[in-house]
N, C-alpha and C. Protein backbone atom coordinates (compact mmCIF):
# COMPACT_ATOMS: atom_id res chain seq x y z
N UNK A 1 20.30 9.58 -10.48
CA UNK A 1 20.05 8.36 -9.73
C UNK A 1 18.65 8.38 -9.11
N UNK A 2 18.28 9.53 -8.54
CA UNK A 2 16.95 9.63 -7.93
C UNK A 2 15.88 9.50 -8.99
N UNK A 3 16.13 10.01 -10.17
CA UNK A 3 15.15 9.90 -11.25
C UNK A 3 14.90 8.44 -11.61
N UNK A 4 15.94 7.65 -11.67
CA UNK A 4 15.79 6.23 -11.96
C UNK A 4 14.99 5.53 -10.87
N UNK A 5 15.25 5.88 -9.62
CA UNK A 5 14.51 5.27 -8.52
C UNK A 5 13.03 5.67 -8.54
N UNK A 6 12.76 6.90 -8.91
CA UNK A 6 11.37 7.36 -9.01
C UNK A 6 10.65 6.61 -10.12
N UNK A 7 11.32 6.39 -11.23
CA UNK A 7 10.72 5.61 -12.32
C UNK A 7 10.43 4.19 -11.86
N UNK A 8 11.35 3.60 -11.12
CA UNK A 8 11.12 2.24 -10.60
C UNK A 8 9.95 2.21 -9.61
N UNK A 9 9.81 3.25 -8.81
CA UNK A 9 8.67 3.32 -7.89
C UNK A 9 7.37 3.40 -8.67
N UNK A 10 7.34 4.17 -9.76
CA UNK A 10 6.12 4.26 -10.57
C UNK A 10 5.82 2.95 -11.28
N UNK A 11 6.84 2.18 -11.61
CA UNK A 11 6.60 0.84 -12.17
C UNK A 11 5.95 -0.04 -11.10
N UNK A 12 6.44 0.06 -9.88
CA UNK A 12 5.83 -0.70 -8.78
C UNK A 12 4.39 -0.25 -8.53
N UNK A 13 4.13 1.04 -8.64
CA UNK A 13 2.76 1.55 -8.49
C UNK A 13 1.86 0.97 -9.57
N UNK A 14 2.35 0.92 -10.79
CA UNK A 14 1.54 0.37 -11.88
C UNK A 14 1.24 -1.10 -11.63
N UNK A 15 2.23 -1.85 -11.20
CA UNK A 15 1.99 -3.27 -10.92
C UNK A 15 1.05 -3.44 -9.73
N UNK A 16 1.16 -2.58 -8.73
CA UNK A 16 0.26 -2.63 -7.59
C UNK A 16 -1.17 -2.32 -7.96
N UNK A 17 -1.36 -1.34 -8.84
CA UNK A 17 -2.72 -1.01 -9.28
C UNK A 17 -3.33 -2.15 -10.08
N UNK A 18 -2.52 -2.77 -10.93
CA UNK A 18 -3.02 -3.91 -11.70
C UNK A 18 -3.44 -5.04 -10.77
N UNK A 19 -2.63 -5.34 -9.76
CA UNK A 19 -2.97 -6.40 -8.81
C UNK A 19 -4.18 -6.01 -7.98
N UNK A 20 -4.29 -4.74 -7.63
CA UNK A 20 -5.43 -4.28 -6.83
C UNK A 20 -6.73 -4.42 -7.60
N UNK A 21 -6.70 -4.09 -8.87
CA UNK A 21 -7.91 -4.14 -9.69
C UNK A 21 -8.26 -5.58 -10.08
N UNK A 22 -7.26 -6.35 -10.47
CA UNK A 22 -7.55 -7.68 -11.00
C UNK A 22 -7.26 -8.82 -10.03
N UNK A 23 -6.90 -8.50 -8.80
CA UNK A 23 -6.55 -9.56 -7.85
C UNK A 23 -7.68 -10.54 -7.66
N UNK A 24 -7.41 -11.82 -7.85
CA UNK A 24 -8.50 -12.80 -7.75
C UNK A 24 -9.00 -12.96 -6.32
N UNK A 25 -8.16 -12.72 -5.33
CA UNK A 25 -8.61 -12.86 -3.95
C UNK A 25 -8.44 -11.55 -3.20
N UNK A 26 -9.08 -11.49 -2.05
CA UNK A 26 -8.94 -10.29 -1.23
C UNK A 26 -7.54 -10.16 -0.66
N UNK A 27 -6.87 -11.28 -0.42
CA UNK A 27 -5.50 -11.23 0.08
C UNK A 27 -4.57 -10.55 -0.94
N UNK A 28 -4.79 -10.80 -2.23
CA UNK A 28 -4.00 -10.12 -3.26
C UNK A 28 -4.23 -8.61 -3.23
N UNK A 29 -5.44 -8.23 -2.99
CA UNK A 29 -5.75 -6.80 -2.92
C UNK A 29 -5.11 -6.14 -1.69
N UNK A 30 -5.04 -6.87 -0.59
CA UNK A 30 -4.40 -6.34 0.61
C UNK A 30 -2.91 -6.15 0.38
N UNK A 31 -2.27 -7.11 -0.27
CA UNK A 31 -0.85 -6.99 -0.59
C UNK A 31 -0.61 -5.82 -1.55
N UNK A 32 -1.50 -5.65 -2.51
CA UNK A 32 -1.38 -4.53 -3.44
C UNK A 32 -1.52 -3.20 -2.71
N UNK A 33 -2.40 -3.15 -1.73
CA UNK A 33 -2.55 -1.94 -0.93
C UNK A 33 -1.25 -1.63 -0.18
N UNK A 34 -0.60 -2.65 0.35
CA UNK A 34 0.69 -2.45 1.02
C UNK A 34 1.74 -1.93 0.04
N UNK A 35 1.73 -2.45 -1.17
CA UNK A 35 2.68 -1.99 -2.19
C UNK A 35 2.45 -0.51 -2.50
N UNK A 36 1.20 -0.13 -2.63
CA UNK A 36 0.89 1.27 -2.95
C UNK A 36 1.28 2.21 -1.80
N UNK A 37 1.03 1.78 -0.57
CA UNK A 37 1.45 2.61 0.56
C UNK A 37 2.97 2.70 0.65
N UNK A 38 3.67 1.61 0.38
CA UNK A 38 5.13 1.64 0.40
C UNK A 38 5.68 2.56 -0.69
N UNK A 39 5.04 2.55 -1.84
CA UNK A 39 5.46 3.44 -2.92
C UNK A 39 5.22 4.91 -2.54
N UNK A 40 4.13 5.17 -1.85
CA UNK A 40 3.85 6.54 -1.41
C UNK A 40 4.91 7.01 -0.41
N UNK A 41 5.32 6.13 0.49
CA UNK A 41 6.37 6.47 1.45
C UNK A 41 7.69 6.72 0.72
N UNK A 42 8.00 5.89 -0.26
CA UNK A 42 9.24 6.09 -1.03
C UNK A 42 9.22 7.42 -1.78
N UNK A 43 8.08 7.76 -2.36
CA UNK A 43 7.99 9.04 -3.07
C UNK A 43 8.13 10.22 -2.12
N UNK A 44 7.59 10.09 -0.91
CA UNK A 44 7.77 11.15 0.09
C UNK A 44 9.25 11.29 0.48
N UNK A 45 9.94 10.16 0.61
CA UNK A 45 11.37 10.20 0.94
C UNK A 45 12.17 10.84 -0.19
N UNK A 46 11.83 10.51 -1.43
CA UNK A 46 12.52 11.12 -2.57
C UNK A 46 12.23 12.62 -2.65
N UNK A 47 11.01 13.02 -2.31
CA UNK A 47 10.68 14.45 -2.29
C UNK A 47 11.49 15.16 -1.22
N UNK A 48 11.68 14.51 -0.08
CA UNK A 48 12.49 15.12 0.99
C UNK A 48 13.95 15.24 0.55
N UNK A 49 14.45 14.22 -0.14
CA UNK A 49 15.83 14.28 -0.62
C UNK A 49 16.04 15.36 -1.66
N UNK A 50 15.11 15.46 -2.59
CA UNK A 50 15.31 16.41 -3.69
C UNK A 50 15.05 17.86 -3.27
N UNK A 51 14.15 18.08 -2.32
CA UNK A 51 13.85 19.45 -1.92
C UNK A 51 14.64 19.90 -0.69
N UNK A 52 15.12 18.95 0.10
CA UNK A 52 15.86 19.31 1.30
C UNK A 52 14.96 19.68 2.47
N UNK A 53 13.68 19.40 2.37
CA UNK A 53 12.74 19.72 3.45
C UNK A 53 12.37 18.44 4.19
N UNK A 54 12.40 18.52 5.51
CA UNK A 54 12.08 17.36 6.32
C UNK A 54 10.57 17.18 6.51
N UNK A 55 9.79 18.13 6.07
CA UNK A 55 8.34 18.03 6.18
C UNK A 55 7.82 16.79 5.45
N UNK A 56 8.45 16.44 4.34
CA UNK A 56 8.02 15.26 3.58
C UNK A 56 8.24 13.97 4.37
N UNK A 57 9.22 13.96 5.26
CA UNK A 57 9.43 12.78 6.10
C UNK A 57 8.31 12.63 7.12
N UNK A 58 7.80 13.76 7.64
CA UNK A 58 6.64 13.70 8.53
C UNK A 58 5.42 13.16 7.80
N UNK A 59 5.26 13.56 6.55
CA UNK A 59 4.15 13.04 5.75
C UNK A 59 4.33 11.55 5.51
N UNK A 60 5.56 11.12 5.29
CA UNK A 60 5.84 9.69 5.09
C UNK A 60 5.48 8.89 6.34
N UNK A 61 5.75 9.44 7.52
CA UNK A 61 5.38 8.76 8.76
C UNK A 61 3.86 8.65 8.87
N UNK A 62 3.16 9.71 8.52
CA UNK A 62 1.70 9.68 8.54
C UNK A 62 1.12 8.67 7.56
N UNK A 63 1.68 8.61 6.37
CA UNK A 63 1.21 7.64 5.37
C UNK A 63 1.48 6.22 5.85
N UNK A 64 2.62 6.01 6.50
CA UNK A 64 2.94 4.69 7.04
C UNK A 64 1.93 4.27 8.09
N UNK A 65 1.57 5.16 8.99
CA UNK A 65 0.59 4.84 10.02
C UNK A 65 -0.78 4.55 9.42
N UNK A 66 -1.19 5.35 8.46
CA UNK A 66 -2.48 5.12 7.80
C UNK A 66 -2.47 3.79 7.06
N UNK A 67 -1.37 3.49 6.40
CA UNK A 67 -1.26 2.22 5.68
C UNK A 67 -1.32 1.03 6.60
N UNK A 68 -0.68 1.13 7.76
CA UNK A 68 -0.72 0.03 8.71
C UNK A 68 -2.13 -0.20 9.22
N UNK A 69 -2.81 0.86 9.60
CA UNK A 69 -4.18 0.73 10.12
C UNK A 69 -5.12 0.23 9.03
N UNK A 70 -4.97 0.72 7.81
CA UNK A 70 -5.83 0.28 6.72
C UNK A 70 -5.62 -1.19 6.41
N UNK A 71 -4.39 -1.64 6.41
CA UNK A 71 -4.10 -3.05 6.15
C UNK A 71 -4.67 -3.93 7.26
N UNK A 72 -4.50 -3.51 8.48
CA UNK A 72 -5.02 -4.26 9.61
C UNK A 72 -6.54 -4.34 9.57
N UNK A 73 -7.19 -3.22 9.30
CA UNK A 73 -8.65 -3.20 9.25
C UNK A 73 -9.19 -4.06 8.11
N UNK A 74 -8.58 -3.94 6.95
CA UNK A 74 -9.07 -4.70 5.80
C UNK A 74 -8.83 -6.20 6.00
N UNK A 75 -7.72 -6.55 6.62
CA UNK A 75 -7.44 -7.96 6.90
C UNK A 75 -8.46 -8.54 7.86
N UNK A 76 -8.81 -7.79 8.87
CA UNK A 76 -9.84 -8.27 9.82
C UNK A 76 -11.19 -8.40 9.14
N UNK A 77 -11.50 -7.47 8.27
CA UNK A 77 -12.77 -7.54 7.55
C UNK A 77 -12.83 -8.77 6.65
N UNK A 78 -11.75 -9.06 5.97
CA UNK A 78 -11.69 -10.24 5.11
C UNK A 78 -11.79 -11.50 5.95
N UNK A 79 -11.10 -11.51 7.09
CA UNK A 79 -11.15 -12.69 7.95
C UNK A 79 -12.55 -12.93 8.50
N UNK A 80 -13.25 -11.88 8.89
CA UNK A 80 -14.62 -12.02 9.38
C UNK A 80 -15.53 -12.53 8.29
N UNK A 81 -15.35 -12.04 7.08
CA UNK A 81 -16.16 -12.49 5.95
C UNK A 81 -15.94 -13.96 5.65
N UNK A 82 -14.71 -14.42 5.73
CA UNK A 82 -14.43 -15.83 5.45
C UNK A 82 -14.98 -16.72 6.55
N UNK A 83 -14.97 -16.25 7.79
CA UNK A 83 -15.54 -17.04 8.88
C UNK A 83 -17.06 -17.13 8.75
N UNK A 84 -17.70 -16.06 8.33
CA UNK A 84 -19.14 -16.08 8.13
C UNK A 84 -19.52 -16.97 6.97
N UNK A 85 -18.70 -17.01 5.93
CA UNK A 85 -18.97 -17.91 4.80
C UNK A 85 -18.90 -19.36 5.24
N UNK A 86 -17.94 -19.69 6.11
CA UNK A 86 -17.80 -21.06 6.59
C UNK A 86 -18.99 -21.47 7.47
N UNK A 87 -19.52 -20.52 8.24
CA UNK A 87 -20.64 -20.82 9.14
C UNK A 87 -21.96 -21.00 8.37
N UNK A 88 -22.13 -20.28 7.26
CA UNK A 88 -23.40 -20.35 6.53
C UNK A 88 -23.46 -21.50 5.56
N UNK A 89 -22.32 -22.07 5.20
CA UNK A 89 -22.33 -23.19 4.26
C UNK A 89 -22.74 -24.46 4.98
N UNK A 90 -23.64 -25.25 4.37
CA UNK A 90 -24.07 -26.49 5.04
C UNK A 90 -23.04 -27.58 4.95
């Protein structure tokens, strides 16, 4: 069962990478980044389940925090860029 879930997570990773690379807008890339971070957390949880070590759950918490801050920072950067574009256009 865990093997099937891991395969599904890798399918999600593949779709996230495709969206990240080919996303027409920056918002698509931000969503793809969230998908990739969520997949990383899922893989850490599966590693904790299969090995029986709780250390992987601590790593999952760290990845979650980094993903949240990265998404927030990138969203602000995109928002600032769009506001500057509106101000410079006549």
